[in-house]
C-alpha atoms as a PDB file:
ATOM      1  CA  UNK A   1      50.646 -67.296 -14.690  1.00  0.00           C
ATOM      2  CA  UNK A   2      51.844 -65.212 -11.851  1.00  0.00           C
ATOM      3  CA  UNK A   3      49.857 -62.865 -10.125  1.00  0.00           C
ATOM      4  CA  UNK A   4      51.020 -59.106 -10.559  1.00  0.00           C
ATOM      5  CA  UNK A   5      52.828 -57.380  -7.619  1.00  0.00           C
ATOM      6  CA  UNK A   6      51.897 -54.272  -5.711  1.00  0.00           C
ATOM      7  CA  UNK A   7      53.556 -52.077  -8.310  1.00  0.00           C
ATOM      8  CA  UNK A   8      51.241 -53.413 -10.947  1.00  0.00           C
ATOM      9  CA  UNK A   9      48.882 -50.672 -12.613  1.00  0.00           C
ATOM     10  CA  UNK A  10      45.853 -52.146 -14.652  1.00  0.00           C
ATOM     11  CA  UNK A  11      43.752 -50.295 -17.080  1.00  0.00           C
ATOM     12  CA  UNK A  12      40.412 -51.563 -18.018  1.00  0.00           C
ATOM     13  CA  UNK A  13      38.782 -49.979 -21.191  1.00  0.00           C
ATOM     14  CA  UNK A  14      34.953 -50.009 -21.415  1.00  0.00           C
ATOM     15  CA  UNK A  15      33.611 -46.971 -23.134  1.00  0.00           C
ATOM     16  CA  UNK A  16      29.769 -48.074 -23.303  1.00  0.00           C
ATOM     17  CA  UNK A  17      27.046 -48.406 -24.242  1.00  0.00           C
ATOM     18  CA  UNK A  18      25.084 -48.674 -20.932  1.00  0.00           C
ATOM     19  CA  UNK A  19      23.812 -52.182 -21.508  1.00  0.00           C
ATOM     20  CA  UNK A  20      27.418 -53.290 -22.224  1.00  0.00           C
ATOM     21  CA  UNK A  21      28.730 -51.569 -19.253  1.00  0.00           C
ATOM     22  CA  UNK A  22      26.310 -53.351 -17.104  1.00  0.00           C
ATOM     23  CA  UNK A  23      27.147 -56.754 -18.758  1.00  0.00           C
ATOM     24  CA  UNK A  24      30.946 -56.089 -18.002  1.00  0.00           C
ATOM     25  CA  UNK A  25      30.425 -55.799 -14.222  1.00  0.00           C
ATOM     26  CA  UNK A  26      31.127 -59.387 -13.757  1.00  0.00           C
ATOM     27  CA  UNK A  27      34.463 -58.872 -15.752  1.00  0.00           C
ATOM     28  CA  UNK A  28      35.228 -55.692 -13.598  1.00  0.00           C
ATOM     29  CA  UNK A  29      34.809 -57.775 -10.425  1.00  0.00           C
ATOM     30  CA  UNK A  30      37.068 -60.724 -11.676  1.00  0.00           C
ATOM     31  CA  UNK A  31      39.776 -58.397 -12.634  1.00  0.00           C
ATOM     32  CA  UNK A  32      39.545 -56.529  -9.421  1.00  0.00           C
ATOM     33  CA  UNK A  33      39.862 -59.862  -7.541  1.00  0.00           C
ATOM     34  CA  UNK A  34      42.766 -61.167  -9.632  1.00  0.00           C
ATOM     35  CA  UNK A  35      44.640 -57.964  -9.193  1.00  0.00           C
ATOM     36  CA  UNK A  36      43.617 -57.313  -5.643  1.00  0.00           C
ATOM     37  CA  UNK A  37      46.928 -55.347  -4.780  1.00  0.00           C
ATOM     38  CA  UNK A  38      47.080 -53.436  -8.172  1.00  0.00           C
ATOM     39  CA  UNK A  39      46.022 -49.813  -8.833  1.00  0.00           C
ATOM     40  CA  UNK A  40      43.114 -50.430 -11.204  1.00  0.00           C
ATOM     41  CA  UNK A  41      41.836 -47.684 -13.495  1.00  0.00           C
ATOM     42  CA  UNK A  42      38.661 -47.732 -15.630  1.00  0.00           C
ATOM     43  CA  UNK A  43      38.744 -45.782 -19.053  1.00  0.00           C
ATOM     44  CA  UNK A  44      35.088 -44.995 -19.890  1.00  0.00           C
ATOM     45  CA  UNK A  45      32.690 -42.342 -21.248  1.00  0.00           C
ATOM     46  CA  UNK A  46      31.618 -39.247 -19.407  1.00  0.00           C
ATOM     47  CA  UNK A  47      28.180 -40.583 -19.017  1.00  0.00           C
ATOM     48  CA  UNK A  48      29.125 -43.442 -16.943  1.00  0.00           C
ATOM     49  CA  UNK A  49      31.953 -41.929 -14.809  1.00  0.00           C
ATOM     50  CA  UNK A  50      30.207 -40.806 -11.691  1.00  0.00           C
ATOM     51  CA  UNK A  51      28.266 -43.909 -11.658  1.00  0.00           C
ATOM     52  CA  UNK A  52      31.467 -46.074 -11.763  1.00  0.00           C
ATOM     53  CA  UNK A  53      33.170 -43.945  -9.225  1.00  0.00           C
ATOM     54  CA  UNK A  54      31.140 -45.386  -6.554  1.00  0.00           C
ATOM     55  CA  UNK A  55      31.898 -49.051  -7.767  1.00  0.00           C
ATOM     56  CA  UNK A  56      34.414 -51.158  -5.716  1.00  0.00           C
ATOM     57  CA  UNK A  57      36.183 -52.267  -8.680  1.00  0.00           C
ATOM     58  CA  UNK A  58      38.434 -49.414  -9.563  1.00  0.00           C
ATOM     59  CA  UNK A  59      40.782 -46.985  -7.717  1.00  0.00           C
ATOM     60  CA  UNK A  60      40.257 -44.308 -10.433  1.00  0.00           C
ATOM     61  CA  UNK A  61      37.833 -43.657 -13.350  1.00  0.00           C
ATOM     62  CA  UNK A  62      39.097 -41.869 -16.384  1.00  0.00           C
ATOM     63  CA  UNK A  63      36.954 -40.178 -19.007  1.00  0.00           C
ATOM     64  CA  UNK A  64      37.886 -40.837 -22.752  1.00  0.00           C
ATOM     65  CA  UNK A  65      36.793 -37.818 -24.654  1.00  0.00           C
ATOM     66  CA  UNK A  66      37.196 -39.878 -27.873  1.00  0.00           C
ATOM     67  CA  UNK A  67      39.134 -37.314 -30.036  1.00  0.00           C
ATOM     68  CA  UNK A  68      38.936 -37.616 -33.713  1.00  0.00           C
ATOM     69  CA  UNK A  69      42.323 -38.466 -35.692  1.00  0.00           C
ATOM     70  CA  UNK A  70      42.409 -34.910 -37.005  1.00  0.00           C
ATOM     71  CA  UNK A  71      42.311 -33.456 -33.302  1.00  0.00           C
ATOM     72  CA  UNK A  72      45.896 -33.892 -32.975  1.00  0.00           C
ATOM     73  CA  UNK A  73      46.386 -31.803 -29.616  1.00  0.00           C
ATOM     74  CA  UNK A  74      43.716 -33.928 -27.991  1.00  0.00           C
ATOM     75  CA  UNK A  75      44.955 -37.255 -29.348  1.00  0.00           C
ATOM     76  CA  UNK A  76      48.415 -36.446 -28.099  1.00  0.00           C
ATOM     77  CA  UNK A  77      47.166 -35.479 -24.712  1.00  0.00           C
ATOM     78  CA  UNK A  78      45.297 -38.872 -24.426  1.00  0.00           C
ATOM     79  CA  UNK A  79      48.423 -40.564 -25.553  1.00  0.00           C
ATOM     80  CA  UNK A  80      50.555 -38.627 -22.843  1.00  0.00           C
ATOM     81  CA  UNK A  81      47.906 -39.699 -20.162  1.00  0.00           C
ATOM     82  CA  UNK A  82      47.634 -43.276 -21.131  1.00  0.00           C
ATOM     83  CA  UNK A  83      51.391 -43.531 -21.353  1.00  0.00           C
ATOM     84  CA  UNK A  84      51.904 -41.661 -17.997  1.00  0.00           C
ATOM     85  CA  UNK A  85      49.701 -44.215 -16.225  1.00  0.00           C
ATOM     86  CA  UNK A  86      52.716 -46.787 -16.490  1.00  0.00           C
ATOM     87  CA  UNK A  87      50.047 -49.725 -17.100  1.00  0.00           C
ATOM     88  CA  UNK A  88      51.789 -53.049 -17.376  1.00  0.00           C
ATOM     89  CA  UNK A  89      48.449 -54.708 -17.971  1.00  0.00           C
ATOM     90  CA  UNK A  90      45.323 -53.587 -20.019  1.00  0.00           C
ATOM     91  CA  UNK A  91      42.072 -55.280 -20.531  1.00  0.00           C
ATOM     92  CA  UNK A  92      40.423 -54.073 -23.510  1.00  0.00           C
ATOM     93  CA  UNK A  93      36.771 -54.952 -22.797  1.00  0.00           C
ATOM     94  CA  UNK A  94      35.453 -52.625 -25.655  1.00  0.00           C
ATOM     95  CA  UNK A  95      37.292 -54.414 -28.360  1.00  0.00           C
ATOM     96  CA  UNK A  96      36.339 -51.817 -30.910  1.00  0.00           C
ATOM     97  CA  UNK A  97      38.459 -50.205 -33.478  1.00  0.00           C
ATOM     98  CA  UNK A  98      39.041 -47.317 -31.301  1.00  0.00           C
ATOM     99  CA  UNK A  99      40.098 -49.256 -28.388  1.00  0.00           C
ATOM    100  CA  UNK A 100      42.093 -51.536 -30.433  1.00  0.00           C
ATOM    101  CA  UNK A 101      43.996 -48.312 -31.585  1.00  0.00           C
ATOM    102  CA  UNK A 102      44.941 -47.420 -28.127  1.00  0.00           C
ATOM    103  CA  UNK A 103      47.023 -50.481 -28.070  1.00  0.00           C
ATOM    104  CA  UNK A 104      49.287 -48.723 -30.493  1.00  0.00           C
ATOM    105  CA  UNK A 105      48.782 -45.385 -29.035  1.00  0.00           C
ATOM    106  CA  UNK A 106      49.961 -46.783 -25.712  1.00  0.00           C
ATOM    107  CA  UNK A 107      53.081 -48.351 -27.151  1.00  0.00           C
ATOM    108  CA  UNK A 108      51.904 -51.770 -26.924  1.00  0.00           C
ATOM    109  CA  UNK A 109      51.681 -52.792 -23.253  1.00  0.00           C
ATOM    110  CA  UNK A 110      50.654 -56.319 -22.020  1.00  0.00           C
ATOM    111  CA  UNK A 111      47.141 -56.314 -23.541  1.00  0.00           C
ATOM    112  CA  UNK A 112      44.189 -58.515 -23.418  1.00  0.00           C
ATOM    113  CA  UNK A 113      41.852 -57.832 -26.359  1.00  0.00           C
ATOM    114  CA  UNK A 114      41.758 -58.295 -30.300  1.00  0.00           C
ATOM    115  CA  UNK A 115      44.366 -55.874 -31.224  1.00  0.00           C
ATOM    116  CA  UNK A 116      46.995 -57.608 -33.715  1.00  0.00           C
ATOM    117  CA  UNK A 117      50.281 -58.481 -31.810  1.00  0.00           C
ATOM    118  CA  UNK A 118      48.739 -58.125 -28.307  1.00  0.00           C
ATOM    119  CA  UNK A 119      50.050 -60.445 -25.616  1.00  0.00           C
ATOM    120  CA  UNK A 120      46.602 -62.070 -24.759  1.00  0.00           C
ATOM    121  CA  UNK A 121      44.741 -62.157 -27.930  1.00  0.00           C
ATOM    122  CA  UNK A 122      40.944 -63.434 -27.980  1.00  0.00           C
ATOM    123  CA  UNK A 123      41.409 -65.076 -31.264  1.00  0.00           C
ATOM    124  CA  UNK A 124      38.338 -67.291 -31.195  1.00  0.00           C
ATOM    125  CA  UNK A 125      36.917 -66.945 -34.524  1.00  0.00           C
ATOM    126  CA  UNK A 126      33.334 -67.588 -33.119  1.00  0.00           C
ATOM    127  CA  UNK A 127      33.825 -64.686 -30.541  1.00  0.00           C
ATOM    128  CA  UNK A 128      31.041 -62.639 -32.056  1.00  0.00           C
ATOM    129  CA  UNK A 129      28.711 -65.557 -31.822  1.00  0.00           C
ATOM    130  CA  UNK A 130      29.123 -65.695 -28.130  1.00  0.00           C
ATOM    131  CA  UNK A 131      26.930 -63.868 -25.607  1.00  0.00           C
ATOM    132  CA  UNK A 132      28.483 -60.779 -24.347  1.00  0.00           C
ATOM    133  CA  UNK A 133      29.219 -62.057 -20.907  1.00  0.00           C
ATOM    134  CA  UNK A 134      30.495 -65.485 -22.183  1.00  0.00           C
ATOM    135  CA  UNK A 135      32.780 -63.706 -24.690  1.00  0.00           C
ATOM    136  CA  UNK A 136      34.375 -61.418 -22.064  1.00  0.00           C
ATOM    137  CA  UNK A 137      34.714 -64.326 -19.778  1.00  0.00           C
ATOM    138  CA  UNK A 138      36.728 -66.315 -22.428  1.00  0.00           C
ATOM    139  CA  UNK A 139      38.789 -63.470 -23.036  1.00  0.00           C
ATOM    140  CA  UNK A 140      39.788 -63.032 -19.272  1.00  0.00           C
ATOM    141  CA  UNK A 141      40.341 -66.697 -19.193  1.00  0.00           C
ATOM    142  CA  UNK A 142      42.947 -66.299 -22.010  1.00  0.00           C
ATOM    143  CA  UNK A 143      44.592 -63.731 -19.951  1.00  0.00           C
ATOM    144  CA  UNK A 144      44.820 -65.862 -16.816  1.00  0.00           C
ATOM    145  CA  UNK A 145      41.459 -65.004 -14.911  1.00  0.00           C
ATOM    146  CA  UNK A 146      39.732 -68.338 -14.860  1.00  0.00           C
ATOM    147  CA  UNK A 147      36.422 -67.331 -13.164  1.00  0.00           C
ATOM    148  CA  UNK A 148      34.193 -64.479 -14.113  1.00  0.00           C
ATOM    149  CA  UNK A 149      31.073 -63.941 -11.871  1.00  0.00           C
ATOM    150  CA  UNK A 150      27.691 -62.721 -12.905  1.00  0.00           C
ATOM    151  CA  UNK A 151      27.032 -58.957 -13.039  1.00  0.00           C
ATOM    152  CA  UNK A 152      26.268 -57.689  -9.556  1.00  0.00           C
ATOM    153  CA  UNK A 153      24.790 -54.224  -8.618  1.00  0.00           C
ATOM    154  CA  UNK A 154      24.626 -54.838  -4.761  1.00  0.00           C
ATOM    155  CA  UNK A 155      27.186 -52.161  -4.342  1.00  0.00           C
ATOM    156  CA  UNK A 156      24.877 -49.261  -5.764  1.00  0.00           C
ATOM    157  CA  UNK A 157      24.020 -47.015  -2.806  1.00  0.00           C
ATOM    158  CA  UNK A 158      20.503 -45.738  -3.384  1.00  0.00           C
ATOM    159  CA  UNK A 159      18.894 -42.243  -2.131  1.00  0.00           C
ATOM    160  CA  UNK A 160      15.916 -43.876  -0.388  1.00  0.00           C
ATOM    161  CA  UNK A 161      14.232 -40.421   0.068  1.00  0.00           C
ATOM    162  CA  UNK A 162      13.833 -40.078  -3.896  1.00  0.00           C
ATOM    163  CA  UNK A 163      10.537 -41.545  -4.970  1.00  0.00           C
ATOM    164  CA  UNK A 164       9.734 -42.693  -1.359  1.00  0.00           C
ATOM    165  CA  UNK A 165       6.136 -42.462  -1.851  1.00  0.00           C
ATOM    166  CA  UNK A 166       6.158 -44.329  -5.247  1.00  0.00           C
ATOM    167  CA  UNK A 167       8.085 -47.308  -3.609  1.00  0.00           C
ATOM    168  CA  UNK A 168       5.480 -47.699  -1.017  1.00  0.00           C
ATOM    169  CA  UNK A 169       3.296 -48.690  -3.753  1.00  0.00           C
ATOM    170  CA  UNK A 170       3.098 -51.918  -6.004  1.00  0.00           C
ATOM    171  CA  UNK A 171       4.516 -50.640  -9.287  1.00  0.00           C
ATOM    172  CA  UNK A 172       5.626 -51.869 -12.701  1.00  0.00           C
ATOM    173  CA  UNK A 173       8.422 -50.165 -14.626  1.00  0.00           C
ATOM    174  CA  UNK A 174       8.157 -49.593 -18.257  1.00  0.00           C
ATOM    175  CA  UNK A 175      11.077 -48.717 -20.587  1.00  0.00           C
ATOM    176  CA  UNK A 176       9.756 -47.411 -23.876  1.00  0.00           C
ATOM    177  CA  UNK A 177      13.093 -45.961 -25.078  1.00  0.00           C
ATOM    178  CA  UNK A 178      15.818 -47.009 -27.575  1.00  0.00           C
ATOM    179  CA  UNK A 179      18.137 -45.817 -30.163  1.00  0.00           C
ATOM    180  CA  UNK A 180      16.441 -42.903 -32.140  1.00  0.00           C
ATOM    181  CA  UNK A 181      18.016 -44.429 -35.447  1.00  0.00           C
ATOM    182  CA  UNK A 182      16.863 -47.932 -34.556  1.00  0.00           C
ATOM    183  CA  UNK A 183      12.893 -47.753 -34.574  1.00  0.00           C
ATOM    184  CA  UNK A 184      12.865 -51.473 -35.279  1.00  0.00           C
ATOM    185  CA  UNK A 185      14.072 -51.836 -31.609  1.00  0.00           C
ATOM    186  CA  UNK A 186      10.929 -50.022 -30.141  1.00  0.00           C
ATOM    187  CA  UNK A 187       7.742 -51.587 -29.216  1.00  0.00           C
ATOM    188  CA  UNK A 188       5.029 -48.949 -30.272  1.00  0.00           C
ATOM    189  CA  UNK A 189       4.207 -46.431 -27.573  1.00  0.00           C
ATOM    190  CA  UNK A 190       0.603 -47.337 -28.193  1.00  0.00           C
ATOM    191  CA  UNK A 191       1.214 -50.770 -26.985  1.00  0.00           C
ATOM    192  CA  UNK A 192       2.780 -49.463 -23.949  1.00  0.00           C
ATOM    193  CA  UNK A 193      -0.161 -47.271 -23.340  1.00  0.00           C
ATOM    194  CA  UNK A 194      -2.691 -50.191 -23.398  1.00  0.00           C
ATOM    195  CA  UNK A 195      -0.314 -52.244 -21.273  1.00  0.00           C
ATOM    196  CA  UNK A 196      -0.278 -49.332 -18.807  1.00  0.00           C
ATOM    197  CA  UNK A 197      -4.085 -49.337 -18.715  1.00  0.00           C
ATOM    198  CA  UNK A 198      -4.079 -53.283 -17.896  1.00  0.00           C
ATOM    199  CA  UNK A 199      -1.413 -52.815 -15.306  1.00  0.00           C
ATOM    200  CA  UNK A 200      -3.512 -50.138 -13.681  1.00  0.00           C
ATOM    201  CA  UNK A 201      -6.728 -52.149 -13.898  1.00  0.00           C
ATOM    202  CA  UNK A 202      -4.850 -54.864 -12.012  1.00  0.00           C
ATOM    203  CA  UNK A 203      -3.946 -52.511  -9.056  1.00  0.00           C
ATOM    204  CA  UNK A 204      -0.529 -51.609  -9.836  1.00  0.00           C
ATOM    205  CA  UNK A 205       1.046 -48.323 -10.908  1.00  0.00           C
ATOM    206  CA  UNK A 206       2.641 -48.143 -14.225  1.00  0.00           C
ATOM    207  CA  UNK A 207       6.021 -46.023 -14.071  1.00  0.00           C
ATOM    208  CA  UNK A 208       7.656 -44.915 -17.255  1.00  0.00           C
ATOM    209  CA  UNK A 209      11.377 -44.157 -17.226  1.00  0.00           C
ATOM    210  CA  UNK A 210      13.694 -43.099 -19.996  1.00  0.00           C
ATOM    211  CA  UNK A 211      15.411 -39.956 -21.670  1.00  0.00           C
ATOM    212  CA  UNK A 212      14.271 -36.599 -22.474  1.00  0.00           C
ATOM    213  CA  UNK A 213      13.592 -37.512 -26.331  1.00  0.00           C
ATOM    214  CA  UNK A 214      11.071 -40.154 -24.974  1.00  0.00           C
ATOM    215  CA  UNK A 215       9.093 -37.606 -22.892  1.00  0.00           C
ATOM    216  CA  UNK A 216       6.755 -36.628 -25.655  1.00  0.00           C
ATOM    217  CA  UNK A 217       5.330 -40.241 -25.480  1.00  0.00           C
ATOM    218  CA  UNK A 218       3.771 -39.410 -22.311  1.00  0.00           C
ATOM    219  CA  UNK A 219       0.990 -37.449 -24.029  1.00  0.00           C
ATOM    220  CA  UNK A 220      -0.330 -40.495 -25.624  1.00  0.00           C
ATOM    221  CA  UNK A 221       0.172 -42.603 -22.591  1.00  0.00           C
ATOM    222  CA  UNK A 222      -1.539 -40.173 -20.052  1.00  0.00           C
ATOM    223  CA  UNK A 223      -4.358 -39.823 -22.450  1.00  0.00           C
ATOM    224  CA  UNK A 224      -4.875 -43.731 -22.190  1.00  0.00           C
ATOM    225  CA  UNK A 225      -3.827 -44.129 -18.604  1.00  0.00           C
ATOM    226  CA  UNK A 226      -4.083 -41.103 -16.319  1.00  0.00           C
ATOM    227  CA  UNK A 227      -2.540 -43.271 -13.467  1.00  0.00           C
ATOM    228  CA  UNK A 228       0.739 -43.630 -15.394  1.00  0.00           C
ATOM    229  CA  UNK A 229       3.710 -41.903 -13.503  1.00  0.00           C
ATOM    230  CA  UNK A 230       6.141 -40.065 -15.712  1.00  0.00           C
ATOM    231  CA  UNK A 231       9.734 -40.332 -14.700  1.00  0.00           C
ATOM    232  CA  UNK A 232      11.286 -39.502 -17.998  1.00  0.00           C
ATOM    233  CA  UNK A 233      14.595 -37.750 -17.648  1.00  0.00           C
ATOM    234  CA  UNK A 234      14.172 -37.773 -13.798  1.00  0.00           C
ATOM    235  CA  UNK A 235      16.405 -40.777 -12.768  1.00  0.00           C
ATOM    236  CA  UNK A 236      20.124 -41.158 -12.516  1.00  0.00           C
ATOM    237  CA  UNK A 237      21.643 -44.597 -13.083  1.00  0.00           C
ATOM    238  CA  UNK A 238      21.499 -45.376  -9.241  1.00  0.00           C
ATOM    239  CA  UNK A 239      17.822 -44.240  -9.138  1.00  0.00           C
ATOM    240  CA  UNK A 240      16.973 -46.785 -11.778  1.00  0.00           C
ATOM    241  CA  UNK A 241      18.737 -49.496  -9.607  1.00  0.00           C
ATOM    242  CA  UNK A 242      16.725 -48.454  -6.720  1.00  0.00           C
ATOM    243  CA  UNK A 243      13.424 -48.469  -8.433  1.00  0.00           C
ATOM    244  CA  UNK A 244      14.389 -51.978  -9.954  1.00  0.00           C
ATOM    245  CA  UNK A 245      15.004 -53.177  -6.410  1.00  0.00           C
ATOM    246  CA  UNK A 246      11.466 -52.021  -5.416  1.00  0.00           C
ATOM    247  CA  UNK A 247       9.342 -52.777  -8.592  1.00  0.00           C
ATOM    248  CA  UNK A 248       7.285 -55.797  -8.999  1.00  0.00           C
ATOM    249  CA  UNK A 249       8.505 -56.218 -12.360  1.00  0.00           C
ATOM    250  CA  UNK A 250       9.756 -54.227 -15.573  1.00  0.00           C
ATOM    251  CA  UNK A 251       8.866 -54.506 -19.184  1.00  0.00           C
ATOM    252  CA  UNK A 252      11.240 -52.623 -21.699  1.00  0.00           C
ATOM    253  CA  UNK A 253      12.800 -52.461 -25.184  1.00  0.00           C
ATOM    254  CA  UNK A 254      16.459 -53.615 -25.688  1.00  0.00           C
ATOM    255  CA  UNK A 255      17.962 -50.495 -24.410  1.00  0.00           C
ATOM    256  CA  UNK A 256      20.496 -49.729 -21.650  1.00  0.00           C
ATOM    257  CA  UNK A 257      18.084 -48.954 -18.787  1.00  0.00           C
ATOM    258  CA  UNK A 258      16.453 -52.405 -18.882  1.00  0.00           C
ATOM    259  CA  UNK A 259      19.978 -53.883 -18.528  1.00  0.00           C
ATOM    260  CA  UNK A 260      20.570 -51.915 -15.400  1.00  0.00           C
ATOM    261  CA  UNK A 261      17.002 -52.757 -13.976  1.00  0.00           C
ATOM    262  CA  UNK A 262      17.569 -56.485 -14.619  1.00  0.00           C
ATOM    263  CA  UNK A 263      20.889 -56.369 -12.903  1.00  0.00           C
ATOM    264  CA  UNK A 264      19.250 -54.978 -10.017  1.00  0.00           C
ATOM    265  CA  UNK A 265      17.249 -58.160  -9.645  1.00  0.00           C
ATOM    266  CA  UNK A 266      13.926 -56.873 -10.848  1.00  0.00           C
ATOM    267  CA  UNK A 267      11.820 -59.780 -12.904  1.00  0.00           C
ATOM    268  CA  UNK A 268      11.991 -58.320 -16.370  1.00  0.00           C
ATOM    269  CA  UNK A 269      10.303 -58.916 -19.863  1.00  0.00           C
ATOM    270  CA  UNK A 270      12.710 -57.574 -22.563  1.00  0.00           C
ATOM    271  CA  UNK A 271      11.299 -57.075 -26.124  1.00  0.00           C
ATOM    272  CA  UNK A 272      13.478 -57.813 -28.988  1.00  0.00           C
ATOM    273  CA  UNK A 273      13.008 -56.981 -32.715  1.00  0.00           C
ATOM    274  CA  UNK A 274      14.880 -58.349 -35.602  1.00  0.00           C
ATOM    275  CA  UNK A 275      17.967 -56.251 -35.348  1.00  0.00           C
ATOM    276  CA  UNK A 276      19.361 -57.616 -32.084  1.00  0.00           C
ATOM    277  CA  UNK A 277      19.629 -61.322 -30.911  1.00  0.00           C
ATOM    278  CA  UNK A 278      18.881 -62.075 -27.364  1.00  0.00           C
ATOM    279  CA  UNK A 279      21.133 -65.004 -27.427  1.00  0.00           C
ATOM    280  CA  UNK A 280      24.141 -62.732 -27.993  1.00  0.00           C
ATOM    281  CA  UNK A 281      23.237 -59.790 -25.743  1.00  0.00           C
ATOM    282  CA  UNK A 282      20.023 -60.293 -23.570  1.00  0.00           C
ATOM    283  CA  UNK A 283      20.220 -59.494 -19.813  1.00  0.00           C
ATOM    284  CA  UNK A 284      20.748 -62.763 -17.776  1.00  0.00           C
ATOM    285  CA  UNK A 285      18.943 -63.638 -14.522  1.00  0.00           C
ATOM    286  CA  UNK A 286      16.402 -66.232 -13.048  1.00  0.00           C
ATOM    287  CA  UNK A 287      13.614 -63.695 -13.739  1.00  0.00           C
ATOM    288  CA  UNK A 288      14.463 -62.524 -17.095  1.00  0.00           C
ATOM    289  CA  UNK A 289      12.376 -63.522 -19.901  1.00  0.00           C
ATOM    290  CA  UNK A 290      12.801 -62.329 -23.553  1.00  0.00           C
ATOM    291  CA  UNK A 291      10.331 -61.995 -26.240  1.00  0.00           C
ATOM    292  CA  UNK A 292      11.268 -61.583 -29.883  1.00  0.00           C
ATOM    293  CA  UNK A 293       9.316 -60.740 -32.901  1.00  0.00           C
ATOM    294  CA  UNK A 294      10.357 -60.172 -36.545  1.00  0.00           C
ATOM    295  CA  UNK A 295       8.327 -56.794 -36.317  1.00  0.00           C
ATOM    296  CA  UNK A 296       7.827 -55.531 -32.858  1.00  0.00           C
ATOM    297  CA  UNK A 297       4.513 -53.753 -33.802  1.00  0.00           C
ATOM    298  CA  UNK A 298       3.202 -57.223 -34.335  1.00  0.00           C
ATOM    299  CA  UNK A 299       3.945 -58.444 -30.794  1.00  0.00           C
ATOM    300  CA  UNK A 300       0.442 -58.216 -29.199  1.00  0.00           C
ATOM    301  CA  UNK A 301      -0.032 -56.657 -25.808  1.00  0.00           C
ATOM    302  CA  UNK A 302      -1.837 -59.738 -24.474  1.00  0.00           C
ATOM    303  CA  UNK A 303       1.353 -61.786 -25.157  1.00  0.00           C
ATOM    304  CA  UNK A 304       3.438 -59.417 -23.228  1.00  0.00           C
ATOM    305  CA  UNK A 305       0.853 -59.182 -20.432  1.00  0.00           C
ATOM    306  CA  UNK A 306       0.806 -62.969 -20.016  1.00  0.00           C
ATOM    307  CA  UNK A 307       4.370 -63.141 -19.587  1.00  0.00           C
ATOM    308  CA  UNK A 308       4.463 -60.324 -17.344  1.00  0.00           C
ATOM    309  CA  UNK A 309       1.469 -62.041 -15.114  1.00  0.00           C
ATOM    310  CA  UNK A 310       3.612 -65.146 -14.867  1.00  0.00           C
ATOM    311  CA  UNK A 311       6.847 -63.278 -13.073  1.00  0.00           C
END
């Protein structure tokens, strides 16, 4: 298969979520290497646009506002923008119903994905049984890109003045969050509070990161462990990478920030309940350990503490 010339314009679609975006970093790198002379554009969600602007993989980042089918004006505007990009190759790494619809919206360009009739279909009937990283690597191989590296966040520039005093300490990151509608993916906050106490007793600072909706948890955590540091809703994606580079370790639920922290190189313990399978979606790395329990509330603090101590 011939590499594409300097006039090539390449679109990569990866809308989210955060963990999936992180796991696509190796695919982004592979596409950038293969299409080294092409103009390469990422179509993603607003939440990740600023972060991805700083990456070395794309010449431009476009935001998908995800118009509904009845929002005809917005839908036509999106079609005009996508067709106006004159993309002669599209890599759909989202492979959702929405992104597959864009294949038809754009007039069926040379497309790698799962859309019916596309040029480079990932037609493996077992694709959904592959780990996310392996599935995308196989998809790219079908499109002519034979090697996909591991996700790499070494390009992330971190403001070292933020949290400077904290990074002079020995600290452990704790990621308590997760989807509000998926409580089965959350280890109980009481368990995190107990773990924080034991981390503090070991001479390290427990540092909690997450979103605003997780902030009320700090009332229980602080009551149990006054030494705990609250960084809920205070960190950018780049901040999380920087904290991960400096942390002794991290413990977290299966949620986007733990994927980002793991990809920074931080040793991680990632906790899984019954609704997600770590063999399909867990962060990868030499210092990533997963623990799975049919009911996360039944996963004892002592078991997590023992694994954490071994990192």
